[in-house]
Amino acid sequence: MKLTVGCTTRPYNGVAFGEICQRIAAAGYSELAVFSQAGLSAASTPAEVQQVRQMALDAGLKPSLVMGRADLRAGLPAATDEWRRWIDHAAALGAQWLLSTGVDRPELYEDFYALLSTTAPYAGQAGIGVQVKPHGGLTLTSDDLIRMYQRVNHPAFSICYDPGNIIYYSVGAERPETNVARVAPCAKTGIIKDCVIVDGKPDVMVTPGEGLVDFAAVLGGLVRGGFRGPLYLECVGGKTVDEIDANVRRTRGFIQGLLDQIRA
């Protein structure tokens, strides 16, 4: 078993996408998760999507996951069309996964379930796995994630497990180590993100290993539950690009070391 450790574009917010790719590749990563730093939207043209794909490939990175967003405030039909365009973008990028952060407004919960259920077959036909990760609201707790997985109930849908967000959005009321074994069978990808709580305020802009997440327990629980990855680093500490570079590189070694111990 070889769990891949990739990196999202988020650590380099404010840096040009092409440079982000070069820096992530220089840190030893080969898998890329394309977040908002790439500048894509549902309205992006095929040429713009291909430009993002080519910049990643030129750096030696595989753009295997992309984060998208469908705005349900405009109504379910419009959001469904928007989400289908994101599925098309993911396929054009050569990605395997399309990630959503869900919704946080209760009046949109049922529409979000409908969005996932009606578009899952389209995603499956395109070879794309649609995912949702913990992000408050409808995906606040592990029970919420499991409930969503069971309710959508389609091979093209799964969970992206984010232990830092479990702590962040619950403000420490739930610890990821507690329920990771229950979520693991629902999860196909994972996020490497830590979290601290200072004076009652959670913060995820810290380097993994320096916060509250017990990564040995979380990764061990995922693997024992059948999880095979990939994993993607999302947040690190650091104010300068050089500090971020160092923490992105260090985190890869930290996580890979834990995975090696789990497999031993």
Protein backbone atom coordinates (compact mmCIF):
# COMPACT_ATOMS: atom_id res chain seq x y z
CA MET A 1 0.00 0.00 0.00
CA LYS A 2 1.31 3.43 -0.97
CA LEU A 3 -0.68 6.39 0.26
CA THR A 4 0.03 9.45 -1.87
CA VAL A 5 0.60 12.77 -0.10
CA GLY A 6 -0.30 15.69 -2.36
CA CYS A 7 -0.69 19.41 -1.77
CA THR A 8 -3.43 21.95 -2.35
CA THR A 9 -2.74 25.41 -3.71
CA ARG A 10 -4.08 27.06 -0.54
CA PRO A 11 -0.76 27.50 1.35
CA TYR A 12 0.31 29.95 -1.36
CA ASN A 13 -2.64 32.32 -1.37
CA GLY A 14 -1.70 35.49 -3.25
CA VAL A 15 1.01 33.80 -5.35
CA ALA A 16 0.55 33.33 -9.11
CA PHE A 17 -0.71 29.85 -9.97
CA GLY A 18 2.26 28.91 -12.15
CA GLU A 19 4.67 29.80 -9.36
CA ILE A 20 2.54 27.87 -6.86
CA CYS A 21 2.92 24.76 -8.99
CA GLN A 22 6.67 25.19 -9.21
CA ARG A 23 7.01 25.62 -5.45
CA ILE A 24 4.85 22.61 -4.62
CA ALA A 25 6.80 20.44 -7.04
CA ALA A 26 10.11 21.69 -5.58
CA ALA A 27 8.88 20.55 -2.15
CA GLY A 28 8.66 16.98 -3.46
CA TYR A 29 4.95 16.63 -4.22
CA SER A 30 3.52 15.12 -7.39
CA GLU A 31 -0.25 15.40 -6.76
CA LEU A 32 -2.00 18.78 -6.84
CA ALA A 33 -5.39 19.84 -5.51
CA VAL A 34 -6.57 22.90 -7.45
CA PHE A 35 -8.29 25.39 -5.15
CA SER A 36 -9.37 29.00 -5.75
CA GLN A 37 -5.77 30.19 -6.28
CA ALA A 38 -5.99 28.83 -9.85
CA GLY A 39 -8.69 31.40 -10.64
CA LEU A 40 -11.17 28.91 -12.09
CA SER A 41 -14.94 29.27 -11.84
CA ALA A 42 -17.92 27.48 -13.28
CA ALA A 43 -17.87 30.08 -16.07
CA SER A 44 -14.23 29.39 -17.02
CA THR A 45 -13.67 28.60 -20.67
CA PRO A 46 -12.17 25.33 -21.92
CA ALA A 47 -9.03 27.28 -22.85
CA GLU A 48 -8.70 28.63 -19.30
CA VAL A 49 -9.12 25.16 -17.84
CA GLN A 50 -6.50 23.77 -20.20
CA GLN A 51 -4.10 26.56 -19.26
CA VAL A 52 -4.38 25.58 -15.59
CA ARG A 53 -3.88 21.92 -16.47
CA GLN A 54 -0.81 22.67 -18.57
CA MET A 55 0.83 24.83 -15.90
CA ALA A 56 0.43 22.00 -13.40
CA LEU A 57 1.78 19.40 -15.84
CA ASP A 58 4.69 21.64 -16.81
CA ALA A 59 5.71 21.70 -13.14
CA GLY A 60 5.54 17.91 -12.95
CA LEU A 61 2.27 17.85 -11.01
CA LYS A 62 -0.89 15.85 -11.61
CA PRO A 63 -3.99 18.00 -10.96
CA SER A 64 -5.96 15.18 -9.40
CA LEU A 65 -8.52 17.11 -7.32
CA VAL A 66 -10.33 20.39 -7.89
CA MET A 67 -12.54 22.37 -5.53
CA GLY A 68 -15.75 23.75 -7.00
CA ARG A 69 -18.80 25.61 -5.82
CA ALA A 70 -22.44 25.70 -6.85
CA ASP A 71 -24.48 28.64 -5.54
CA LEU A 72 -27.84 27.29 -4.42
CA ARG A 73 -29.05 30.78 -3.55
CA ALA A 74 -29.79 31.16 -7.25
CA GLY A 75 -32.08 28.13 -7.14
CA LEU A 76 -31.56 24.40 -7.62
CA PRO A 77 -31.80 24.32 -11.45
CA ALA A 78 -29.14 27.02 -11.86
CA ALA A 79 -26.91 25.41 -9.24
CA THR A 80 -27.27 22.04 -10.95
CA ASP A 81 -26.11 23.50 -14.25
CA GLU A 82 -23.22 25.21 -12.45
CA TRP A 83 -22.15 21.98 -10.74
CA ARG A 84 -22.27 20.05 -14.01
CA ARG A 85 -19.89 22.63 -15.49
CA TRP A 86 -17.54 22.01 -12.58
CA ILE A 87 -17.71 18.27 -13.29
CA ASP A 88 -16.77 19.03 -16.89
CA HIS A 89 -13.88 21.21 -15.68
CA ALA A 90 -12.61 18.43 -13.42
CA ALA A 91 -12.69 15.95 -16.28
CA ALA A 92 -10.90 18.39 -18.60
CA LEU A 93 -8.20 18.94 -15.97
CA GLY A 94 -7.62 15.21 -15.84
CA ALA A 95 -8.69 15.19 -12.19
CA GLN A 96 -10.26 12.28 -10.38
CA TRP A 97 -12.08 14.23 -7.67
CA LEU A 98 -14.36 17.28 -7.44
CA LEU A 99 -14.67 18.70 -3.93
CA SER A 100 -17.45 20.77 -2.35
CA THR A 101 -17.54 22.39 1.07
CA GLY A 102 -21.31 21.96 1.36
CA VAL A 103 -23.72 24.64 2.60
CA ASP A 104 -24.22 26.31 5.96
CA ARG A 105 -27.74 27.69 5.58
CA PRO A 106 -30.41 25.25 6.88
CA GLU A 107 -32.94 26.35 4.28
CA LEU A 108 -30.56 25.06 1.57
CA TYR A 109 -29.83 21.65 3.08
CA GLU A 110 -32.44 19.71 1.13
CA ASP A 111 -31.48 21.43 -2.11
CA PHE A 112 -27.87 20.46 -1.52
CA TYR A 113 -28.82 16.81 -1.04
CA ALA A 114 -30.86 17.04 -4.25
CA LEU A 115 -27.90 18.63 -6.07
CA LEU A 116 -25.58 15.77 -5.09
CA SER A 117 -28.11 13.05 -5.84
CA THR A 118 -29.14 14.36 -9.26
CA THR A 119 -25.58 15.05 -10.49
CA ALA A 120 -23.84 11.94 -9.12
CA PRO A 121 -24.71 9.83 -12.20
CA TYR A 122 -23.36 12.58 -14.48
CA ALA A 123 -20.14 12.69 -12.46
CA GLY A 124 -19.83 8.93 -12.55
CA GLN A 125 -20.17 8.87 -16.34
CA ALA A 126 -17.43 11.50 -16.56
CA GLY A 127 -15.13 9.45 -14.33
CA ILE A 128 -15.27 12.03 -11.53
CA GLY A 129 -15.75 11.27 -7.86
CA VAL A 130 -17.71 14.04 -6.13
CA GLN A 131 -16.80 14.71 -2.51
CA VAL A 132 -17.84 16.85 0.43
CA LYS A 133 -15.64 17.67 3.40
CA PRO A 134 -16.44 18.92 6.91
CA HIS A 135 -17.03 22.66 6.72
CA GLY A 136 -19.72 23.51 9.26
CA GLY A 137 -23.42 23.71 8.53
CA LEU A 138 -24.65 20.55 6.86
CA THR A 139 -21.22 18.92 7.30
CA LEU A 140 -20.42 20.04 10.86
CA THR A 141 -19.87 16.66 12.52
CA SER A 142 -18.77 13.14 11.66
CA ASP A 143 -22.38 12.02 12.05
CA ASP A 144 -23.39 14.63 9.46
CA LEU A 145 -20.77 13.30 7.02
CA ILE A 146 -21.86 9.70 7.49
CA ARG A 147 -25.51 10.68 7.10
CA MET A 148 -24.73 12.46 3.83
CA TYR A 149 -22.76 9.51 2.48
CA GLN A 150 -25.62 7.14 3.27
CA ARG A 151 -28.31 9.43 1.92
CA VAL A 152 -26.65 10.21 -1.43
CA ASN A 153 -25.76 6.52 -1.73
CA HIS A 154 -24.00 6.59 -5.11
CA PRO A 155 -20.62 5.11 -6.12
CA ALA A 156 -19.52 8.51 -7.47
CA PHE A 157 -19.97 10.19 -4.08
CA SER A 158 -17.71 10.01 -1.03
CA ILE A 159 -16.26 12.02 1.84
CA CYS A 160 -13.02 14.00 1.96
CA TYR A 161 -11.94 13.76 5.60
CA ASP A 162 -10.53 16.97 7.09
CA PRO A 163 -9.54 16.55 10.76
CA GLY A 164 -8.59 20.19 11.24
CA ASN A 165 -12.03 21.34 10.14
CA ILE A 166 -13.72 18.92 12.56
CA ILE A 167 -12.03 20.84 15.38
CA TYR A 168 -12.35 24.27 13.75
CA TYR A 169 -16.07 24.27 13.01
CA SER A 170 -17.06 22.50 16.23
CA VAL A 171 -14.65 24.76 18.19
CA GLY A 172 -13.19 21.65 19.76
CA ALA A 173 -16.50 20.04 20.72
CA GLU A 174 -15.63 17.08 18.48
CA ARG A 175 -12.18 15.58 18.15
CA PRO A 176 -11.39 13.83 14.83
CA GLU A 177 -9.68 10.90 16.56
CA THR A 178 -12.96 9.99 18.26
CA ASN A 179 -14.97 9.14 15.15
CA VAL A 180 -12.38 8.61 12.40
CA ALA A 181 -12.95 4.83 12.38
CA ARG A 182 -16.64 5.40 11.64
CA VAL A 183 -15.98 7.89 8.84
CA ALA A 184 -13.10 5.94 7.22
CA PRO A 185 -15.29 3.59 5.14
CA CYS A 186 -17.00 6.67 3.62
CA ALA A 187 -13.76 8.54 2.82
CA LYS A 188 -11.82 8.36 -0.44
CA THR A 189 -9.50 11.35 0.07
CA GLY A 190 -8.24 13.26 3.07
CA ILE A 191 -6.96 16.69 4.02
CA ILE A 192 -3.86 17.30 6.10
CA LYS A 193 -4.80 20.25 8.30
CA ASP A 194 -4.21 21.04 11.96
CA CYS A 195 -6.04 23.43 14.26
CA VAL A 196 -5.39 25.37 17.45
CA ILE A 197 -7.90 27.11 19.71
CA VAL A 198 -6.70 30.28 21.41
CA ASP A 199 -9.05 32.19 23.72
CA GLY A 200 -11.97 30.26 22.28
CA LYS A 201 -11.07 31.08 18.67
CA PRO A 202 -10.02 28.26 16.33
CA ASP A 203 -7.24 28.76 13.79
CA VAL A 204 -6.14 26.35 11.04
CA MET A 205 -3.27 28.42 9.70
CA VAL A 206 -0.75 26.32 11.59
CA THR A 207 1.71 23.71 10.41
CA PRO A 208 0.47 20.12 10.91
CA GLY A 209 1.92 18.61 14.05
CA GLU A 210 1.81 21.90 15.94
CA GLY A 211 -1.89 21.87 16.82
CA LEU A 212 -4.57 19.71 18.40
CA VAL A 213 -4.91 16.99 15.74
CA ASP A 214 -3.34 13.64 16.65
CA PHE A 215 -2.25 12.74 13.13
CA ALA A 216 -0.89 9.33 14.10
CA ALA A 217 -4.32 8.38 15.46
CA VAL A 218 -6.23 9.97 12.58
CA LEU A 219 -4.13 8.41 9.82
CA GLY A 220 -4.04 5.08 11.60
CA GLY A 221 -7.82 5.09 11.95
CA LEU A 222 -8.28 5.93 8.29
CA VAL A 223 -5.93 3.21 7.08
CA ARG A 224 -7.39 0.56 9.38
CA GLY A 225 -10.82 1.52 8.04
CA GLY A 226 -9.77 0.81 4.46
CA PHE A 227 -8.75 4.31 3.39
CA ARG A 228 -6.23 4.36 0.55
CA GLY A 229 -5.96 8.06 -0.20
CA PRO A 230 -4.74 10.32 -1.58
CA LEU A 231 -4.10 12.93 1.10
CA TYR A 232 -3.62 16.65 0.39
CA LEU A 233 -1.90 19.26 2.55
CA GLU A 234 -4.11 22.33 2.85
CA CYS A 235 -2.71 24.71 5.50
CA VAL A 236 0.64 25.54 7.08
CA GLY A 237 1.96 28.35 9.23
CA GLY A 238 4.31 31.01 7.94
CA LYS A 239 4.15 34.65 6.89
CA THR A 240 6.69 34.71 4.06
CA VAL A 241 6.84 32.52 0.98
CA ASP A 242 10.15 31.08 2.18
CA GLU A 243 8.60 30.13 5.53
CA ILE A 244 5.65 28.54 3.74
CA ASP A 245 8.02 26.64 1.44
CA ALA A 246 9.86 25.22 4.45
CA ASN A 247 6.66 24.19 6.22
CA VAL A 248 5.15 22.64 3.09
CA ARG A 249 8.31 20.58 2.63
CA ARG A 250 8.55 19.65 6.31
CA THR A 251 4.92 18.55 6.48
CA ARG A 252 5.41 16.12 3.61
CA GLY A 253 8.20 14.42 5.55
CA PHE A 254 6.18 14.47 8.77
CA ILE A 255 3.11 12.83 7.22
CA GLN A 256 5.11 10.36 5.15
CA GLY A 257 6.97 9.31 8.28
CA LEU A 258 3.73 8.62 10.11
CA LEU A 259 2.40 6.61 7.16
CA ASP A 260 5.60 4.56 7.06
CA GLN A 261 5.16 3.75 10.76
CA ILE A 262 1.52 2.75 10.21
CA ARG A 263 2.49 0.38 7.40
CA ALA A 264 5.40 -1.15 9.35
